[in-house]
C-alpha atoms as a PDB file:
ATOM      1  CA  MET A   1       4.039  35.822 -14.590  1.00  0.00           C
ATOM      2  CA  ALA A   2       5.367  32.517 -14.496  1.00  0.00           C
ATOM      3  CA  GLY A   3       4.887  32.048 -18.555  1.00  0.00           C
ATOM      4  CA  LYS A   4       7.092  35.305 -18.972  1.00  0.00           C
ATOM      5  CA  LYS A   5       9.848  33.815 -16.374  1.00  0.00           C
ATOM      6  CA  TYR A   6       9.897  30.661 -18.694  1.00  0.00           C
ATOM      7  CA  GLU A   7      10.474  32.272 -21.567  1.00  0.00           C
ATOM      8  CA  ASN A   8      13.255  34.549 -20.383  1.00  0.00           C
ATOM      9  CA  ALA A   9      15.177  31.267 -18.752  1.00  0.00           C
ATOM     10  CA  ALA A  10      14.366  29.329 -21.971  1.00  0.00           C
ATOM     11  CA  LYS A  11      16.316  32.027 -24.170  1.00  0.00           C
ATOM     12  CA  LYS A  12      19.470  31.434 -21.882  1.00  0.00           C
ATOM     13  CA  ILE A  13      19.924  27.490 -22.636  1.00  0.00           C
ATOM     14  CA  ASP A  14      21.181  26.684 -25.984  1.00  0.00           C
ATOM     15  CA  ARG A  15      18.754  23.610 -27.029  1.00  0.00           C
ATOM     16  CA  GLN A  16      21.440  21.960 -29.130  1.00  0.00           C
ATOM     17  CA  LYS A  17      24.134  21.988 -26.624  1.00  0.00           C
ATOM     18  CA  ARG A  18      24.730  19.327 -24.097  1.00  0.00           C
ATOM     19  CA  TYR A  19      26.194  20.799 -20.895  1.00  0.00           C
ATOM     20  CA  ALA A  20      28.531  19.492 -18.075  1.00  0.00           C
ATOM     21  CA  LEU A  21      26.486  18.290 -15.094  1.00  0.00           C
ATOM     22  CA  ASP A  22      28.142  21.053 -12.880  1.00  0.00           C
ATOM     23  CA  GLU A  23      27.363  23.737 -15.640  1.00  0.00           C
ATOM     24  CA  ALA A  24      23.771  22.488 -16.039  1.00  0.00           C
ATOM     25  CA  LEU A  25      22.760  22.849 -12.555  1.00  0.00           C
ATOM     26  CA  GLU A  26      24.348  26.252 -12.381  1.00  0.00           C
ATOM     27  CA  LEU A  27      22.598  27.197 -15.377  1.00  0.00           C
ATOM     28  CA  LEU A  28      19.103  25.835 -13.641  1.00  0.00           C
ATOM     29  CA  SER A  29      19.928  27.802 -10.179  1.00  0.00           C
ATOM     30  CA  ALA A  30      20.686  30.957 -12.033  1.00  0.00           C
ATOM     31  CA  ASN A  31      17.351  30.798 -14.225  1.00  0.00           C
ATOM     32  CA  LYS A  32      15.156  30.004 -11.203  1.00  0.00           C
ATOM     33  CA  VAL A  33      11.399  30.471 -12.309  1.00  0.00           C
ATOM     34  CA  ALA A  34       9.537  30.015  -9.190  1.00  0.00           C
ATOM     35  CA  ASN A  35       8.820  31.420  -5.941  1.00  0.00           C
ATOM     36  CA  PHE A  36       9.200  28.128  -4.068  1.00  0.00           C
ATOM     37  CA  ASP A  37      11.760  25.541  -3.536  1.00  0.00           C
ATOM     38  CA  GLU A  38      11.305  23.553  -6.937  1.00  0.00           C
ATOM     39  CA  THR A  39      12.156  20.160  -7.159  1.00  0.00           C
ATOM     40  CA  VAL A  40      14.646  19.225  -9.603  1.00  0.00           C
ATOM     41  CA  GLU A  41      14.373  16.281 -11.666  1.00  0.00           C
ATOM     42  CA  MET A  42      16.614  13.971 -14.003  1.00  0.00           C
ATOM     43  CA  ALA A  43      15.154  12.341 -16.814  1.00  0.00           C
ATOM     44  CA  VAL A  44      17.390   9.762 -18.675  1.00  0.00           C
ATOM     45  CA  ARG A  45      16.416   8.068 -21.566  1.00  0.00           C
ATOM     46  CA  LEU A  46      17.654   4.461 -22.385  1.00  0.00           C
ATOM     47  CA  ASN A  47      18.067   2.635 -24.988  1.00  0.00           C
ATOM     48  CA  VAL A  48      15.861  -0.490 -24.284  1.00  0.00           C
ATOM     49  CA  ASP A  49      12.661  -1.907 -25.081  1.00  0.00           C
ATOM     50  CA  PRO A  50      10.301  -1.600 -22.088  1.00  0.00           C
ATOM     51  CA  ARG A  51       7.639  -3.708 -23.742  1.00  0.00           C
ATOM     52  CA  GLN A  52      10.336  -6.561 -23.064  1.00  0.00           C
ATOM     53  CA  ALA A  53      10.122  -7.895 -19.349  1.00  0.00           C
ATOM     54  CA  ASP A  54      13.986  -8.258 -19.543  1.00  0.00           C
ATOM     55  CA  GLN A  55      14.224  -4.696 -20.551  1.00  0.00           C
ATOM     56  CA  ASN A  56      12.088  -3.239 -18.118  1.00  0.00           C
ATOM     57  CA  VAL A  57      14.705  -1.291 -15.954  1.00  0.00           C
ATOM     58  CA  ARG A  58      13.587  -0.874 -12.216  1.00  0.00           C
ATOM     59  CA  GLY A  59      15.611   0.195  -9.221  1.00  0.00           C
ATOM     60  CA  THR A  60      16.051   2.152  -6.068  1.00  0.00           C
ATOM     61  CA  VAL A  61      18.521   4.303  -4.856  1.00  0.00           C
ATOM     62  CA  VAL A  62      19.099   5.876  -1.468  1.00  0.00           C
ATOM     63  CA  LEU A  63      20.225   9.807  -2.605  1.00  0.00           C
ATOM     64  CA  PRO A  64      23.196  10.909  -0.534  1.00  0.00           C
ATOM     65  CA  ASN A  65      21.595  14.152   0.236  1.00  0.00           C
ATOM     66  CA  GLY A  66      17.967  12.905   0.625  1.00  0.00           C
ATOM     67  CA  THR A  67      15.172  14.253  -1.731  1.00  0.00           C
ATOM     68  CA  GLY A  68      14.182  17.276   0.357  1.00  0.00           C
ATOM     69  CA  LYS A  69      11.009  15.763   1.363  1.00  0.00           C
ATOM     70  CA  ILE A  70      10.639  13.563   3.990  1.00  0.00           C
ATOM     71  CA  PRO A  71       7.360  11.171   2.972  1.00  0.00           C
ATOM     72  CA  ARG A  72       4.905   9.843   5.261  1.00  0.00           C
ATOM     73  CA  VAL A  73       5.369   5.725   5.204  1.00  0.00           C
ATOM     74  CA  LEU A  74       2.358   3.612   5.869  1.00  0.00           C
ATOM     75  CA  VAL A  75       3.571   0.060   6.872  1.00  0.00           C
ATOM     76  CA  LEU A  76       1.424  -2.928   7.091  1.00  0.00           C
ATOM     77  CA  ALA A  77       2.236  -5.633   9.383  1.00  0.00           C
ATOM     78  CA  LYS A  78       1.396  -8.033  11.877  1.00  0.00           C
ATOM     79  CA  GLY A  79       2.387  -8.527  15.715  1.00  0.00           C
ATOM     80  CA  GLU A  80       5.968  -7.355  16.617  1.00  0.00           C
ATOM     81  CA  LYS A  81       6.634  -5.931  13.196  1.00  0.00           C
ATOM     82  CA  GLU A  82       4.054  -3.378  13.954  1.00  0.00           C
ATOM     83  CA  LYS A  83       6.335  -2.084  16.780  1.00  0.00           C
ATOM     84  CA  GLU A  84       9.407  -2.427  14.703  1.00  0.00           C
ATOM     85  CA  ALA A  85       8.007  -0.040  12.305  1.00  0.00           C
ATOM     86  CA  ARG A  86       6.612   2.572  14.693  1.00  0.00           C
ATOM     87  CA  ASP A  87      10.215   2.598  16.508  1.00  0.00           C
ATOM     88  CA  ALA A  88      11.736   3.292  13.131  1.00  0.00           C
ATOM     89  CA  GLY A  89       9.656   6.052  12.583  1.00  0.00           C
ATOM     90  CA  ALA A  90       6.693   4.729  10.357  1.00  0.00           C
ATOM     91  CA  ASP A  91       3.894   7.516  10.364  1.00  0.00           C
ATOM     92  CA  TYR A  92       1.068   5.051  10.181  1.00  0.00           C
ATOM     93  CA  VAL A  93       1.178   1.327  11.224  1.00  0.00           C
ATOM     94  CA  GLY A  94      -1.449  -1.156  11.146  1.00  0.00           C
ATOM     95  CA  GLY A  95      -2.921  -4.228   9.537  1.00  0.00           C
ATOM     96  CA  GLU A  96      -6.273  -5.754   8.268  1.00  0.00           C
ATOM     97  CA  ASP A  97      -7.808  -2.713  10.151  1.00  0.00           C
ATOM     98  CA  LEU A  98      -5.903   0.174   7.621  1.00  0.00           C
ATOM     99  CA  VAL A  99      -6.376  -2.315   4.707  1.00  0.00           C
ATOM    100  CA  ARG A 100     -10.076  -1.886   4.966  1.00  0.00           C
ATOM    101  CA  LYS A 101      -9.803   2.018   5.862  1.00  0.00           C
ATOM    102  CA  ILE A 102      -8.051   2.257   2.451  1.00  0.00           C
ATOM    103  CA  GLN A 103     -10.775  -0.033   0.704  1.00  0.00           C
ATOM    104  CA  GLU A 104     -13.974   1.856   2.446  1.00  0.00           C
ATOM    105  CA  GLU A 105     -12.779   5.254   2.455  1.00  0.00           C
ATOM    106  CA  ASN A 106     -10.390   5.322  -0.065  1.00  0.00           C
ATOM    107  CA  TRP A 107      -7.651   6.652   2.503  1.00  0.00           C
ATOM    108  CA  LEU A 108      -4.805   7.835   1.086  1.00  0.00           C
ATOM    109  CA  ASP A 109      -2.593  10.346   3.461  1.00  0.00           C
ATOM    110  CA  PHE A 110       0.630   8.478   3.177  1.00  0.00           C
ATOM    111  CA  ASP A 111       3.224   8.565   0.402  1.00  0.00           C
ATOM    112  CA  ARG A 112       5.085   5.153   0.677  1.00  0.00           C
ATOM    113  CA  VAL A 113       3.758   1.961   1.715  1.00  0.00           C
ATOM    114  CA  ILE A 114       5.573  -0.765   2.861  1.00  0.00           C
ATOM    115  CA  ALA A 115       4.193  -4.150   3.941  1.00  0.00           C
ATOM    116  CA  THR A 116       5.655  -7.444   5.372  1.00  0.00           C
ATOM    117  CA  PRO A 117       5.157 -10.720   3.317  1.00  0.00           C
ATOM    118  CA  ASP A 118       2.520 -12.602   5.354  1.00  0.00           C
ATOM    119  CA  ILE A 119      -0.035  -9.716   4.992  1.00  0.00           C
ATOM    120  CA  MET A 120       0.534  -9.022   1.109  1.00  0.00           C
ATOM    121  CA  GLY A 121      -2.735 -11.711   0.959  1.00  0.00           C
ATOM    122  CA  ALA A 122      -4.778  -8.778   2.559  1.00  0.00           C
ATOM    123  CA  VAL A 123      -3.045  -5.993   0.657  1.00  0.00           C
ATOM    124  CA  GLY A 124      -3.875  -7.565  -2.641  1.00  0.00           C
ATOM    125  CA  ARG A 125      -7.485  -6.483  -2.186  1.00  0.00           C
ATOM    126  CA  ILE A 126      -6.428  -2.745  -2.507  1.00  0.00           C
ATOM    127  CA  GLY A 127      -4.045  -3.266  -5.252  1.00  0.00           C
ATOM    128  CA  LYS A 128      -6.466  -1.418  -7.704  1.00  0.00           C
ATOM    129  CA  ILE A 129      -6.360   1.856  -5.315  1.00  0.00           C
ATOM    130  CA  LEU A 130      -2.635   1.703  -4.478  1.00  0.00           C
ATOM    131  CA  GLY A 131      -1.266   0.463  -7.891  1.00  0.00           C
ATOM    132  CA  PRO A 132      -2.462   3.410 -10.290  1.00  0.00           C
ATOM    133  CA  ARG A 133      -0.638   5.689  -7.485  1.00  0.00           C
ATOM    134  CA  GLY A 134       2.586   3.617  -7.596  1.00  0.00           C
ATOM    135  CA  LEU A 135       2.045   2.987  -4.257  1.00  0.00           C
ATOM    136  CA  MET A 136       1.599  -0.890  -4.402  1.00  0.00           C
ATOM    137  CA  PRO A 137       4.391  -2.821  -2.332  1.00  0.00           C
ATOM    138  CA  ASN A 138       6.942  -4.584  -4.371  1.00  0.00           C
ATOM    139  CA  PRO A 139       9.622  -6.994  -3.030  1.00  0.00           C
ATOM    140  CA  ARG A 140      11.683  -6.075  -6.005  1.00  0.00           C
ATOM    141  CA  VAL A 141      12.034  -2.522  -4.625  1.00  0.00           C
ATOM    142  CA  GLY A 142      12.598  -3.665  -1.046  1.00  0.00           C
ATOM    143  CA  THR A 143       8.844  -2.448   0.141  1.00  0.00           C
ATOM    144  CA  VAL A 144       7.961  -5.969   0.865  1.00  0.00           C
ATOM    145  CA  THR A 145      10.214  -7.128   3.687  1.00  0.00           C
ATOM    146  CA  PHE A 146      10.573  -8.603   7.045  1.00  0.00           C
ATOM    147  CA  ASP A 147      13.278  -6.373   7.678  1.00  0.00           C
ATOM    148  CA  VAL A 148      10.474  -3.321   8.388  1.00  0.00           C
ATOM    149  CA  SER A 149      13.188  -1.223  10.202  1.00  0.00           C
ATOM    150  CA  LYS A 150      15.877  -0.731   7.518  1.00  0.00           C
ATOM    151  CA  ALA A 151      12.828  -0.127   4.649  1.00  0.00           C
ATOM    152  CA  VAL A 152      11.253   2.697   6.875  1.00  0.00           C
ATOM    153  CA  GLN A 153      14.741   4.157   7.722  1.00  0.00           C
ATOM    154  CA  GLU A 154      15.845   3.982   3.829  1.00  0.00           C
ATOM    155  CA  VAL A 155      12.701   5.574   2.595  1.00  0.00           C
ATOM    156  CA  LYS A 156      12.759   8.190   5.273  1.00  0.00           C
ATOM    157  CA  ALA A 157      16.371   9.009   4.398  1.00  0.00           C
ATOM    158  CA  GLY A 158      15.339   9.755   0.795  1.00  0.00           C
ATOM    159  CA  LYS A 159      14.903   6.186  -1.078  1.00  0.00           C
ATOM    160  CA  VAL A 160      14.107   6.840  -4.650  1.00  0.00           C
ATOM    161  CA  ASP A 161      12.303   4.468  -6.677  1.00  0.00           C
ATOM    162  CA  TYR A 162      12.667   4.471 -10.310  1.00  0.00           C
ATOM    163  CA  ARG A 163      11.044   2.682 -13.239  1.00  0.00           C
ATOM    164  CA  VAL A 164      11.436   3.230 -16.841  1.00  0.00           C
ATOM    165  CA  ASP A 165       8.157   4.523 -18.893  1.00  0.00           C
ATOM    166  CA  LYS A 166       6.752   3.426 -22.021  1.00  0.00           C
ATOM    167  CA  ALA A 167       9.007   5.883 -23.929  1.00  0.00           C
ATOM    168  CA  GLY A 168      12.099   4.364 -22.802  1.00  0.00           C
ATOM    169  CA  VAL A 169      12.577   7.348 -20.040  1.00  0.00           C
ATOM    170  CA  VAL A 170      13.583   7.060 -16.456  1.00  0.00           C
ATOM    171  CA  HIS A 171      12.248  10.320 -14.448  1.00  0.00           C
ATOM    172  CA  ALA A 172      13.241  10.925 -10.817  1.00  0.00           C
ATOM    173  CA  PRO A 173      14.010  13.577  -8.292  1.00  0.00           C
ATOM    174  CA  ILE A 174      17.231  14.561  -7.165  1.00  0.00           C
ATOM    175  CA  GLY A 175      16.277  17.236  -4.609  1.00  0.00           C
ATOM    176  CA  LYS A 176      15.039  20.993  -4.272  1.00  0.00           C
ATOM    177  CA  MET A 177      17.015  23.973  -5.647  1.00  0.00           C
ATOM    178  CA  SER A 178      17.876  25.032  -2.204  1.00  0.00           C
ATOM    179  CA  PHE A 179      20.155  22.078  -1.874  1.00  0.00           C
ATOM    180  CA  GLY A 180      22.777  23.940  -4.041  1.00  0.00           C
ATOM    181  CA  GLN A 181      24.818  22.601  -7.110  1.00  0.00           C
ATOM    182  CA  GLU A 182      27.406  20.323  -4.934  1.00  0.00           C
ATOM    183  CA  LYS A 183      24.250  18.230  -3.427  1.00  0.00           C
ATOM    184  CA  LEU A 184      22.429  17.983  -6.528  1.00  0.00           C
ATOM    185  CA  ALA A 185      25.565  16.749  -8.409  1.00  0.00           C
ATOM    186  CA  GLU A 186      26.146  14.294  -5.716  1.00  0.00           C
ATOM    187  CA  ASN A 187      22.490  13.291  -6.083  1.00  0.00           C
ATOM    188  CA  ALA A 188      22.171  13.263  -9.856  1.00  0.00           C
ATOM    189  CA  ARG A 189      25.625  10.775  -9.782  1.00  0.00           C
ATOM    190  CA  ALA A 190      24.101   8.585  -7.410  1.00  0.00           C
ATOM    191  CA  LEU A 191      21.089   8.186  -9.505  1.00  0.00           C
ATOM    192  CA  LEU A 192      22.920   7.515 -12.572  1.00  0.00           C
ATOM    193  CA  ALA A 193      25.254   5.011 -10.997  1.00  0.00           C
ATOM    194  CA  SER A 194      22.099   2.917  -9.808  1.00  0.00           C
ATOM    195  CA  ILE A 195      20.807   2.822 -13.527  1.00  0.00           C
ATOM    196  CA  ILE A 196      24.063   2.357 -14.918  1.00  0.00           C
ATOM    197  CA  ARG A 197      23.752  -0.937 -12.666  1.00  0.00           C
ATOM    198  CA  ALA A 198      20.476  -2.000 -13.606  1.00  0.00           C
ATOM    199  CA  LYS A 199      21.191  -2.128 -17.056  1.00  0.00           C
ATOM    200  CA  PRO A 200      19.712  -5.550 -18.555  1.00  0.00           C
ATOM    201  CA  ALA A 201      22.131  -8.004 -20.002  1.00  0.00           C
ATOM    202  CA  THR A 202      19.980  -8.098 -23.355  1.00  0.00           C
ATOM    203  CA  ALA A 203      20.409  -4.313 -23.357  1.00  0.00           C
ATOM    204  CA  LYS A 204      22.519  -3.716 -26.818  1.00  0.00           C
ATOM    205  CA  GLY A 205      24.346  -0.802 -28.101  1.00  0.00           C
ATOM    206  CA  ASN A 206      24.684   2.680 -26.290  1.00  0.00           C
ATOM    207  CA  TYR A 207      22.666   2.180 -22.974  1.00  0.00           C
ATOM    208  CA  ILE A 208      22.109   5.803 -21.746  1.00  0.00           C
ATOM    209  CA  LYS A 209      21.012   8.071 -24.899  1.00  0.00           C
ATOM    210  CA  SER A 210      20.516  11.192 -23.281  1.00  0.00           C
ATOM    211  CA  VAL A 211      20.043  12.715 -20.096  1.00  0.00           C
ATOM    212  CA  ALA A 212      18.306  16.375 -19.247  1.00  0.00           C
ATOM    213  CA  ILE A 213      17.742  17.864 -15.585  1.00  0.00           C
ATOM    214  CA  SER A 214      14.928  20.312 -15.137  1.00  0.00           C
ATOM    215  CA  SER A 215      13.342  22.133 -12.217  1.00  0.00           C
ATOM    216  CA  THR A 216       9.502  21.971 -11.285  1.00  0.00           C
ATOM    217  CA  MET A 217       8.554  25.021 -13.517  1.00  0.00           C
ATOM    218  CA  GLY A 218      11.761  25.517 -15.737  1.00  0.00           C
ATOM    219  CA  PRO A 219      12.727  24.585 -19.255  1.00  0.00           C
ATOM    220  CA  GLY A 220      14.640  21.266 -19.562  1.00  0.00           C
ATOM    221  CA  ILE A 221      18.601  21.638 -20.252  1.00  0.00           C
ATOM    222  CA  LYS A 222      20.621  18.601 -22.046  1.00  0.00           C
ATOM    223  CA  VAL A 223      23.170  17.256 -20.010  1.00  0.00           C
ATOM    224  CA  ASP A 224      26.876  15.728 -21.703  1.00  0.00           C
ATOM    225  CA  THR A 225      26.050  12.113 -21.242  1.00  0.00           C
ATOM    226  CA  ALA A 226      29.755  10.889 -22.064  1.00  0.00           C
ATOM    227  CA  SER A 227      31.408  12.393 -19.210  1.00  0.00           C
ATOM    228  CA  THR A 228      28.426  12.392 -16.649  1.00  0.00           C
ATOM    229  CA  THR A 229      28.146   8.402 -16.880  1.00  0.00           C
ATOM    230  CA  LYS A 230      31.711   7.979 -17.137  1.00  0.00           C
ATOM    231  CA  ILE A 231      31.988   9.871 -13.552  1.00  0.00           C
ATOM    232  CA  ALA A 232      28.883   8.061 -12.013  1.00  0.00           C
ATOM    233  CA  ALA A 233      29.830   4.652 -13.135  1.00  0.00           C
ATOM    234  CA  ALA A 234      33.042   5.125 -11.430  1.00  0.00           C
ATOM    235  CA  ALA A 235      31.015   6.398  -8.431  1.00  0.00           C
END
């Protein structure tokens, strides 16, 4: 049973200790819980107040080793930008027709949405469908753009959007267990470096309060914040 495996894995982790990143990843791998290729996630607690607009940390990062999942990309565009999207490898491309399909049929067979600025008026009609699912295109994360080709290629390559939640925590995937320690560490440092660059000017004191990693079914492992962020900041 997964519950028994989880308990056994949790017993091998010192809940009070903050492990070096490589050591934490090694421990995560050695205490694999599930029989499938679990996603590895990083949780970063920030010393910010998400209720303040200027401290609502948000950003994107293209993980050097991808996420282990190739997302299905929908591009909403007009004219020649539709061809550009198809050539770049978008899974679904259209304009008002696909907006209506989402609106009328609640069609959601995609993982990411990219839109050109000239169609955002129509996209606004499906904001209540896309928004709660985190799918609404946004210029701040590069998903509202005329550079459709670049946007599609980045998403396919492993671009991750992150945003601090109400508790001041950023949750983001850093790959799959099958990646191995080295690739997961590279992705983790890339994510942390991006979060550090996104530090609000109004954030005071120790910006990154804590870091932890976990697999889909496994217990969380605390990571030594000082050494990890120092390495990430230098990346």
